[in-house]
Amino acid sequence: MARSKDIAFHDLREKDIAEAFHVTNRTVRNWVKSGCPINPDRSYSLFNVHEWLLDRERAKLTVIAEGGTLEEQKLQKEIEVLEGRIEKQKIENAELRRETVSKYLYNKAIMTLIESFTKFLVDSLKMNIINFRAIPEEQLPRACEEYGIQATKHLYQTVKRVEQDV
Protein backbone atom coordinates (compact mmCIF):
# COMPACT_ATOMS: atom_id res chain seq x y z
CA MET A 1 0.00 0.00 0.00
CA ALA A 2 1.67 3.23 -1.15
CA ARG A 3 1.10 6.00 1.36
CA SER A 4 3.10 8.70 3.04
CA LYS A 5 4.38 7.87 6.49
CA ASP A 6 3.34 11.37 7.58
CA ILE A 7 -0.36 10.66 7.14
CA ALA A 8 -0.21 7.00 8.06
CA PHE A 9 -2.00 7.54 11.40
CA HIS A 10 -5.24 8.53 9.65
CA ASP A 11 -5.46 5.84 6.99
CA LEU A 12 -4.90 2.50 8.72
CA ARG A 13 -6.26 -0.89 7.79
CA GLU A 14 -7.99 -3.27 10.17
CA LYS A 15 -4.84 -5.35 10.62
CA ASP A 16 -2.82 -2.20 11.42
CA ILE A 17 -5.24 -1.28 14.22
CA ALA A 18 -5.20 -4.86 15.52
CA GLU A 19 -1.41 -4.78 15.53
CA ALA A 20 -1.26 -1.36 17.24
CA PHE A 21 -3.51 -2.47 20.13
CA HIS A 22 -2.25 -6.08 20.27
CA VAL A 23 -5.63 -7.63 19.50
CA THR A 24 -7.02 -9.80 16.71
CA ASN A 25 -8.77 -8.59 13.56
CA ARG A 26 -11.99 -10.12 14.90
CA THR A 27 -11.72 -7.94 17.99
CA VAL A 28 -11.39 -4.84 15.80
CA ARG A 29 -14.51 -5.91 13.84
CA ASN A 30 -16.36 -6.38 17.15
CA TRP A 31 -15.25 -2.89 18.21
CA VAL A 32 -16.76 -1.49 15.03
CA LYS A 33 -20.04 -3.24 15.82
CA SER A 34 -19.85 -1.66 19.30
CA GLY A 35 -19.40 1.84 17.90
CA CYS A 36 -15.69 2.22 17.14
CA PRO A 37 -15.24 5.05 14.61
CA ILE A 38 -14.33 4.05 11.06
CA ASN A 39 -13.67 6.25 8.04
CA PRO A 40 -16.05 6.16 5.05
CA ASP A 41 -13.41 4.30 3.02
CA ARG A 42 -13.30 1.56 5.70
CA SER A 43 -9.92 2.77 6.99
CA TYR A 44 -9.23 3.73 10.59
CA SER A 45 -7.68 6.73 12.34
CA LEU A 46 -5.38 5.65 15.15
CA PHE A 47 -6.30 8.75 17.13
CA ASN A 48 -10.07 8.20 16.84
CA VAL A 49 -9.86 4.51 17.78
CA HIS A 50 -7.61 5.30 20.76
CA GLU A 51 -9.95 8.03 21.98
CA TRP A 52 -12.95 5.69 21.60
CA LEU A 53 -11.22 2.97 23.63
CA LEU A 54 -10.35 5.43 26.40
CA ASP A 55 -13.94 6.72 26.53
CA ARG A 56 -15.22 3.16 26.66
CA GLU A 57 -12.95 2.24 29.58
CA ARG A 58 -13.91 5.40 31.45
CA ALA A 59 -17.59 4.56 30.97
CA LYS A 60 -17.02 1.02 32.34
CA LEU A 61 -15.29 2.37 35.45
CA THR A 62 -18.06 4.91 35.98
CA VAL A 63 -20.72 2.18 35.85
CA ILE A 64 -18.73 0.03 38.29
CA ALA A 65 -18.21 2.98 40.67
CA GLU A 66 -21.91 3.84 40.70
CA GLY A 67 -22.91 0.28 41.58
CA GLY A 68 -20.54 -0.39 44.51
CA THR A 69 -20.43 1.25 47.91
CA LEU A 70 -17.23 -0.05 49.58
CA GLU A 71 -14.88 0.55 46.70
CA GLU A 72 -16.63 3.61 45.38
CA GLN A 73 -13.96 6.06 46.55
CA LYS A 74 -11.14 3.92 45.17
CA LEU A 75 -12.86 3.59 41.82
CA GLN A 76 -13.64 7.31 41.74
CA LYS A 77 -9.92 8.02 42.22
CA GLU A 78 -9.10 5.63 39.38
CA ILE A 79 -11.63 7.42 37.18
CA GLU A 80 -10.04 10.78 37.98
CA VAL A 81 -6.57 9.42 37.19
CA LEU A 82 -7.84 7.95 33.93
CA GLU A 83 -9.57 11.21 33.01
CA GLY A 84 -6.29 13.03 33.60
CA ARG A 85 -4.50 10.55 31.35
CA ILE A 86 -7.21 10.92 28.72
CA GLU A 87 -6.85 14.71 28.74
CA LYS A 88 -3.07 14.40 28.51
CA GLN A 89 -3.44 11.91 25.64
CA LYS A 90 -5.90 14.22 23.85
CA ILE A 91 -3.37 17.06 24.04
CA GLU A 92 -0.60 14.78 22.75
CA ASN A 93 -2.91 13.54 19.96
CA ALA A 94 -3.74 17.13 18.96
CA GLU A 95 -0.03 18.02 18.86
CA LEU A 96 0.74 14.90 16.83
CA ARG A 97 -2.09 15.71 14.42
CA ARG A 98 -0.77 19.25 13.92
CA GLU A 99 2.75 17.93 13.37
CA THR A 100 1.51 15.23 10.98
CA VAL A 101 -0.58 17.70 8.98
CA SER A 102 2.33 20.17 8.86
CA LYS A 103 4.69 17.50 7.54
CA TYR A 104 2.11 16.36 5.01
CA LEU A 105 1.50 19.91 3.75
CA TYR A 106 5.25 20.57 3.59
CA ASN A 107 5.85 17.36 1.60
CA LYS A 108 2.90 18.18 -0.68
CA ALA A 109 4.29 21.69 -1.33
CA ILE A 110 7.75 20.29 -2.10
CA MET A 111 6.29 17.71 -4.49
CA THR A 112 4.23 20.41 -6.24
CA LEU A 113 7.33 22.59 -6.63
CA ILE A 114 9.37 19.68 -7.97
CA GLU A 115 6.64 18.75 -10.46
CA SER A 116 6.29 22.37 -11.61
CA PHE A 117 10.03 22.82 -11.98
CA THR A 118 10.36 19.54 -13.85
CA LYS A 119 7.59 20.56 -16.24
CA PHE A 120 9.28 23.94 -16.76
CA LEU A 121 12.63 22.26 -17.53
CA VAL A 122 11.07 19.80 -19.93
CA ASP A 123 9.18 22.57 -21.72
CA SER A 124 12.36 24.68 -21.92
CA LEU A 125 14.34 21.77 -23.34
CA LYS A 126 11.63 21.07 -25.90
CA MET A 127 11.68 24.72 -27.01
CA ASN A 128 15.48 24.73 -27.27
CA ILE A 129 15.44 21.54 -29.31
CA ILE A 130 12.77 22.98 -31.61
CA ASN A 131 14.88 26.14 -32.00
CA PHE A 132 18.03 24.12 -32.71
CA ARG A 133 16.23 21.98 -35.28
CA ALA A 134 15.25 25.15 -37.15
CA ILE A 135 18.88 26.27 -37.47
CA PRO A 136 20.78 24.91 -40.46
CA GLU A 137 23.68 22.63 -39.48
CA GLU A 138 26.38 24.96 -40.76
CA GLN A 139 25.01 27.88 -38.71
CA LEU A 140 24.62 25.89 -35.48
CA PRO A 141 27.98 26.84 -33.85
CA ARG A 142 27.44 30.57 -34.56
CA ALA A 143 23.85 30.43 -33.28
CA CYS A 144 24.98 28.72 -30.07
CA GLU A 145 27.51 31.52 -29.47
CA GLU A 146 24.80 34.16 -30.04
CA TYR A 147 22.50 32.52 -27.51
CA GLY A 148 25.38 32.26 -25.01
CA ILE A 149 25.48 28.47 -25.19
CA GLN A 150 28.74 26.62 -25.67
CA ALA A 151 28.39 24.32 -28.62
CA THR A 152 29.69 20.94 -27.55
CA LYS A 153 29.84 17.70 -29.42
CA HIS A 154 27.43 16.19 -26.89
CA LEU A 155 24.82 18.93 -27.40
CA TYR A 156 25.12 18.65 -31.14
CA GLN A 157 24.74 14.84 -30.97
CA THR A 158 21.72 15.17 -28.69
CA VAL A 159 20.00 17.51 -31.13
CA LYS A 160 20.75 15.12 -33.98
CA ARG A 161 19.40 12.15 -31.99
CA VAL A 162 16.21 14.00 -31.23
CA GLU A 163 15.81 14.92 -34.87
CA GLN A 164 16.23 11.28 -35.85
CA ASP A 165 13.64 10.15 -33.30
CA VAL A 166 11.11 12.70 -34.54
C-alpha atoms as a PDB file:
ATOM      1  CA  MET A   1       0.000   0.000   0.000  1.00  0.00           C
ATOM      2  CA  ALA A   2       1.668   3.227  -1.147  1.00  0.00           C
ATOM      3  CA  ARG A   3       1.105   6.003   1.357  1.00  0.00           C
ATOM      4  CA  SER A   4       3.102   8.701   3.042  1.00  0.00           C
ATOM      5  CA  LYS A   5       4.385   7.866   6.491  1.00  0.00           C
ATOM      6  CA  ASP A   6       3.343  11.369   7.581  1.00  0.00           C
ATOM      7  CA  ILE A   7      -0.360  10.658   7.143  1.00  0.00           C
ATOM      8  CA  ALA A   8      -0.206   6.999   8.064  1.00  0.00           C
ATOM      9  CA  PHE A   9      -1.998   7.536  11.400  1.00  0.00           C
ATOM     10  CA  HIS A  10      -5.239   8.527   9.655  1.00  0.00           C
ATOM     11  CA  ASP A  11      -5.461   5.842   6.991  1.00  0.00           C
ATOM     12  CA  LEU A  12      -4.905   2.504   8.723  1.00  0.00           C
ATOM     13  CA  ARG A  13      -6.260  -0.892   7.791  1.00  0.00           C
ATOM     14  CA  GLU A  14      -7.990  -3.274  10.174  1.00  0.00           C
ATOM     15  CA  LYS A  15      -4.845  -5.347  10.619  1.00  0.00           C
ATOM     16  CA  ASP A  16      -2.816  -2.197  11.415  1.00  0.00           C
ATOM     17  CA  ILE A  17      -5.239  -1.278  14.219  1.00  0.00           C
ATOM     18  CA  ALA A  18      -5.198  -4.857  15.523  1.00  0.00           C
ATOM     19  CA  GLU A  19      -1.411  -4.776  15.533  1.00  0.00           C
ATOM     20  CA  ALA A  20      -1.262  -1.359  17.241  1.00  0.00           C
ATOM     21  CA  PHE A  21      -3.511  -2.470  20.126  1.00  0.00           C
ATOM     22  CA  HIS A  22      -2.248  -6.078  20.273  1.00  0.00           C
ATOM     23  CA  VAL A  23      -5.626  -7.634  19.501  1.00  0.00           C
ATOM     24  CA  THR A  24      -7.020  -9.805  16.714  1.00  0.00           C
ATOM     25  CA  ASN A  25      -8.767  -8.595  13.564  1.00  0.00           C
ATOM     26  CA  ARG A  26     -11.993 -10.122  14.895  1.00  0.00           C
ATOM     27  CA  THR A  27     -11.718  -7.943  17.994  1.00  0.00           C
ATOM     28  CA  VAL A  28     -11.390  -4.840  15.800  1.00  0.00           C
ATOM     29  CA  ARG A  29     -14.505  -5.909  13.845  1.00  0.00           C
ATOM     30  CA  ASN A  30     -16.360  -6.378  17.148  1.00  0.00           C
ATOM     31  CA  TRP A  31     -15.251  -2.892  18.207  1.00  0.00           C
ATOM     32  CA  VAL A  32     -16.763  -1.487  15.025  1.00  0.00           C
ATOM     33  CA  LYS A  33     -20.039  -3.242  15.820  1.00  0.00           C
ATOM     34  CA  SER A  34     -19.852  -1.663  19.299  1.00  0.00           C
ATOM     35  CA  GLY A  35     -19.402   1.842  17.899  1.00  0.00           C
ATOM     36  CA  CYS A  36     -15.694   2.218  17.143  1.00  0.00           C
ATOM     37  CA  PRO A  37     -15.241   5.048  14.608  1.00  0.00           C
ATOM     38  CA  ILE A  38     -14.330   4.047  11.065  1.00  0.00           C
ATOM     39  CA  ASN A  39     -13.668   6.248   8.043  1.00  0.00           C
ATOM     40  CA  PRO A  40     -16.054   6.158   5.051  1.00  0.00           C
ATOM     41  CA  ASP A  41     -13.407   4.302   3.016  1.00  0.00           C
ATOM     42  CA  ARG A  42     -13.298   1.556   5.698  1.00  0.00           C
ATOM     43  CA  SER A  43      -9.923   2.765   6.990  1.00  0.00           C
ATOM     44  CA  TYR A  44      -9.228   3.728  10.587  1.00  0.00           C
ATOM     45  CA  SER A  45      -7.675   6.726  12.338  1.00  0.00           C
ATOM     46  CA  LEU A  46      -5.381   5.651  15.148  1.00  0.00           C
ATOM     47  CA  PHE A  47      -6.300   8.754  17.131  1.00  0.00           C
ATOM     48  CA  ASN A  48     -10.065   8.201  16.844  1.00  0.00           C
ATOM     49  CA  VAL A  49      -9.856   4.511  17.785  1.00  0.00           C
ATOM     50  CA  HIS A  50      -7.607   5.297  20.756  1.00  0.00           C
ATOM     51  CA  GLU A  51      -9.950   8.032  21.976  1.00  0.00           C
ATOM     52  CA  TRP A  52     -12.949   5.694  21.596  1.00  0.00           C
ATOM     53  CA  LEU A  53     -11.224   2.968  23.632  1.00  0.00           C
ATOM     54  CA  LEU A  54     -10.350   5.429  26.402  1.00  0.00           C
ATOM     55  CA  ASP A  55     -13.937   6.719  26.534  1.00  0.00           C
ATOM     56  CA  ARG A  56     -15.220   3.158  26.664  1.00  0.00           C
ATOM     57  CA  GLU A  57     -12.948   2.237  29.582  1.00  0.00           C
ATOM     58  CA  ARG A  58     -13.908   5.402  31.453  1.00  0.00           C
ATOM     59  CA  ALA A  59     -17.592   4.557  30.969  1.00  0.00           C
ATOM     60  CA  LYS A  60     -17.017   1.023  32.336  1.00  0.00           C
ATOM     61  CA  LEU A  61     -15.294   2.368  35.446  1.00  0.00           C
ATOM     62  CA  THR A  62     -18.060   4.913  35.982  1.00  0.00           C
ATOM     63  CA  VAL A  63     -20.719   2.180  35.853  1.00  0.00           C
ATOM     64  CA  ILE A  64     -18.731   0.031  38.294  1.00  0.00           C
ATOM     65  CA  ALA A  65     -18.213   2.978  40.666  1.00  0.00           C
ATOM     66  CA  GLU A  66     -21.908   3.843  40.697  1.00  0.00           C
ATOM     67  CA  GLY A  67     -22.912   0.277  41.579  1.00  0.00           C
ATOM     68  CA  GLY A  68     -20.539  -0.387  44.508  1.00  0.00           C
ATOM     69  CA  THR A  69     -20.427   1.249  47.905  1.00  0.00           C
ATOM     70  CA  LEU A  70     -17.230  -0.052  49.582  1.00  0.00           C
ATOM     71  CA  GLU A  71     -14.882   0.552  46.704  1.00  0.00           C
ATOM     72  CA  GLU A  72     -16.634   3.614  45.380  1.00  0.00           C
ATOM     73  CA  GLN A  73     -13.957   6.063  46.554  1.00  0.00           C
ATOM     74  CA  LYS A  74     -11.142   3.923  45.170  1.00  0.00           C
ATOM     75  CA  LEU A  75     -12.864   3.590  41.818  1.00  0.00           C
ATOM     76  CA  GLN A  76     -13.639   7.312  41.738  1.00  0.00           C
ATOM     77  CA  LYS A  77      -9.922   8.017  42.216  1.00  0.00           C
ATOM     78  CA  GLU A  78      -9.100   5.626  39.383  1.00  0.00           C
ATOM     79  CA  ILE A  79     -11.625   7.425  37.177  1.00  0.00           C
ATOM     80  CA  GLU A  80     -10.045  10.781  37.981  1.00  0.00           C
ATOM     81  CA  VAL A  81      -6.567   9.425  37.190  1.00  0.00           C
ATOM     82  CA  LEU A  82      -7.840   7.950  33.927  1.00  0.00           C
ATOM     83  CA  GLU A  83      -9.574  11.206  33.006  1.00  0.00           C
ATOM     84  CA  GLY A  84      -6.291  13.032  33.605  1.00  0.00           C
ATOM     85  CA  ARG A  85      -4.500  10.548  31.355  1.00  0.00           C
ATOM     86  CA  ILE A  86      -7.208  10.916  28.723  1.00  0.00           C
ATOM     87  CA  GLU A  87      -6.845  14.709  28.741  1.00  0.00           C
ATOM     88  CA  LYS A  88      -3.071  14.398  28.506  1.00  0.00           C
ATOM     89  CA  GLN A  89      -3.438  11.908  25.636  1.00  0.00           C
ATOM     90  CA  LYS A  90      -5.897  14.221  23.849  1.00  0.00           C
ATOM     91  CA  ILE A  91      -3.371  17.056  24.045  1.00  0.00           C
ATOM     92  CA  GLU A  92      -0.602  14.778  22.746  1.00  0.00           C
ATOM     93  CA  ASN A  93      -2.905  13.544  19.956  1.00  0.00           C
ATOM     94  CA  ALA A  94      -3.735  17.128  18.964  1.00  0.00           C
ATOM     95  CA  GLU A  95      -0.034  18.020  18.859  1.00  0.00           C
ATOM     96  CA  LEU A  96       0.744  14.905  16.835  1.00  0.00           C
ATOM     97  CA  ARG A  97      -2.086  15.713  14.416  1.00  0.00           C
ATOM     98  CA  ARG A  98      -0.769  19.248  13.916  1.00  0.00           C
ATOM     99  CA  GLU A  99       2.747  17.925  13.374  1.00  0.00           C
ATOM    100  CA  THR A 100       1.515  15.234  10.975  1.00  0.00           C
ATOM    101  CA  VAL A 101      -0.579  17.703   8.979  1.00  0.00           C
ATOM    102  CA  SER A 102       2.331  20.170   8.860  1.00  0.00           C
ATOM    103  CA  LYS A 103       4.688  17.495   7.537  1.00  0.00           C
ATOM    104  CA  TYR A 104       2.106  16.355   5.007  1.00  0.00           C
ATOM    105  CA  LEU A 105       1.504  19.908   3.751  1.00  0.00           C
ATOM    106  CA  TYR A 106       5.252  20.572   3.587  1.00  0.00           C
ATOM    107  CA  ASN A 107       5.848  17.363   1.600  1.00  0.00           C
ATOM    108  CA  LYS A 108       2.904  18.181  -0.682  1.00  0.00           C
ATOM    109  CA  ALA A 109       4.291  21.693  -1.333  1.00  0.00           C
ATOM    110  CA  ILE A 110       7.754  20.292  -2.101  1.00  0.00           C
ATOM    111  CA  MET A 111       6.287  17.706  -4.492  1.00  0.00           C
ATOM    112  CA  THR A 112       4.230  20.413  -6.237  1.00  0.00           C
ATOM    113  CA  LEU A 113       7.332  22.590  -6.630  1.00  0.00           C
ATOM    114  CA  ILE A 114       9.368  19.678  -7.974  1.00  0.00           C
ATOM    115  CA  GLU A 115       6.642  18.749 -10.459  1.00  0.00           C
ATOM    116  CA  SER A 116       6.290  22.373 -11.610  1.00  0.00           C
ATOM    117  CA  PHE A 117      10.035  22.824 -11.978  1.00  0.00           C
ATOM    118  CA  THR A 118      10.363  19.537 -13.850  1.00  0.00           C
ATOM    119  CA  LYS A 119       7.588  20.559 -16.242  1.00  0.00           C
ATOM    120  CA  PHE A 120       9.278  23.944 -16.758  1.00  0.00           C
ATOM    121  CA  LEU A 121      12.633  22.265 -17.526  1.00  0.00           C
ATOM    122  CA  VAL A 122      11.068  19.795 -19.933  1.00  0.00           C
ATOM    123  CA  ASP A 123       9.179  22.575 -21.722  1.00  0.00           C
ATOM    124  CA  SER A 124      12.359  24.682 -21.921  1.00  0.00           C
ATOM    125  CA  LEU A 125      14.339  21.773 -23.338  1.00  0.00           C
ATOM    126  CA  LYS A 126      11.634  21.074 -25.904  1.00  0.00           C
ATOM    127  CA  MET A 127      11.683  24.724 -27.013  1.00  0.00           C
ATOM    128  CA  ASN A 128      15.482  24.731 -27.270  1.00  0.00           C
ATOM    129  CA  ILE A 129      15.442  21.537 -29.306  1.00  0.00           C
ATOM    130  CA  ILE A 130      12.775  22.981 -31.605  1.00  0.00           C
ATOM    131  CA  ASN A 131      14.881  26.142 -32.000  1.00  0.00           C
ATOM    132  CA  PHE A 132      18.029  24.116 -32.705  1.00  0.00           C
ATOM    133  CA  ARG A 133      16.231  21.979 -35.279  1.00  0.00           C
ATOM    134  CA  ALA A 134      15.249  25.148 -37.154  1.00  0.00           C
ATOM    135  CA  ILE A 135      18.881  26.269 -37.467  1.00  0.00           C
ATOM    136  CA  PRO A 136      20.782  24.907 -40.465  1.00  0.00           C
ATOM    137  CA  GLU A 137      23.675  22.634 -39.485  1.00  0.00           C
ATOM    138  CA  GLU A 138      26.382  24.956 -40.758  1.00  0.00           C
ATOM    139  CA  GLN A 139      25.011  27.881 -38.707  1.00  0.00           C
ATOM    140  CA  LEU A 140      24.621  25.889 -35.483  1.00  0.00           C
ATOM    141  CA  PRO A 141      27.980  26.843 -33.849  1.00  0.00           C
ATOM    142  CA  ARG A 142      27.436  30.572 -34.564  1.00  0.00           C
ATOM    143  CA  ALA A 143      23.848  30.435 -33.277  1.00  0.00           C
ATOM    144  CA  CYS A 144      24.983  28.725 -30.071  1.00  0.00           C
ATOM    145  CA  GLU A 145      27.509  31.521 -29.467  1.00  0.00           C
ATOM    146  CA  GLU A 146      24.798  34.165 -30.042  1.00  0.00           C
ATOM    147  CA  TYR A 147      22.504  32.520 -27.507  1.00  0.00           C
ATOM    148  CA  GLY A 148      25.379  32.262 -25.013  1.00  0.00           C
ATOM    149  CA  ILE A 149      25.476  28.466 -25.194  1.00  0.00           C
ATOM    150  CA  GLN A 150      28.742  26.623 -25.673  1.00  0.00           C
ATOM    151  CA  ALA A 151      28.391  24.317 -28.625  1.00  0.00           C
ATOM    152  CA  THR A 152      29.690  20.939 -27.551  1.00  0.00           C
ATOM    153  CA  LYS A 153      29.843  17.704 -29.416  1.00  0.00           C
ATOM    154  CA  HIS A 154      27.434  16.190 -26.894  1.00  0.00           C
ATOM    155  CA  LEU A 155      24.816  18.934 -27.403  1.00  0.00           C
ATOM    156  CA  TYR A 156      25.119  18.647 -31.136  1.00  0.00           C
ATOM    157  CA  GLN A 157      24.743  14.837 -30.969  1.00  0.00           C
ATOM    158  CA  THR A 158      21.721  15.170 -28.687  1.00  0.00           C
ATOM    159  CA  VAL A 159      19.996  17.509 -31.128  1.00  0.00           C
ATOM    160  CA  LYS A 160      20.751  15.120 -33.982  1.00  0.00           C
ATOM    161  CA  ARG A 161      19.404  12.148 -31.994  1.00  0.00           C
ATOM    162  CA  VAL A 162      16.206  14.001 -31.228  1.00  0.00           C
ATOM    163  CA  GLU A 163      15.813  14.925 -34.870  1.00  0.00           C
ATOM    164  CA  GLN A 164      16.230  11.278 -35.853  1.00  0.00           C
ATOM    165  CA  ASP A 165      13.644  10.149 -33.300  1.00  0.00           C
ATOM    166  CA  VAL A 166      11.111  12.698 -34.544  1.00  0.00           C
END
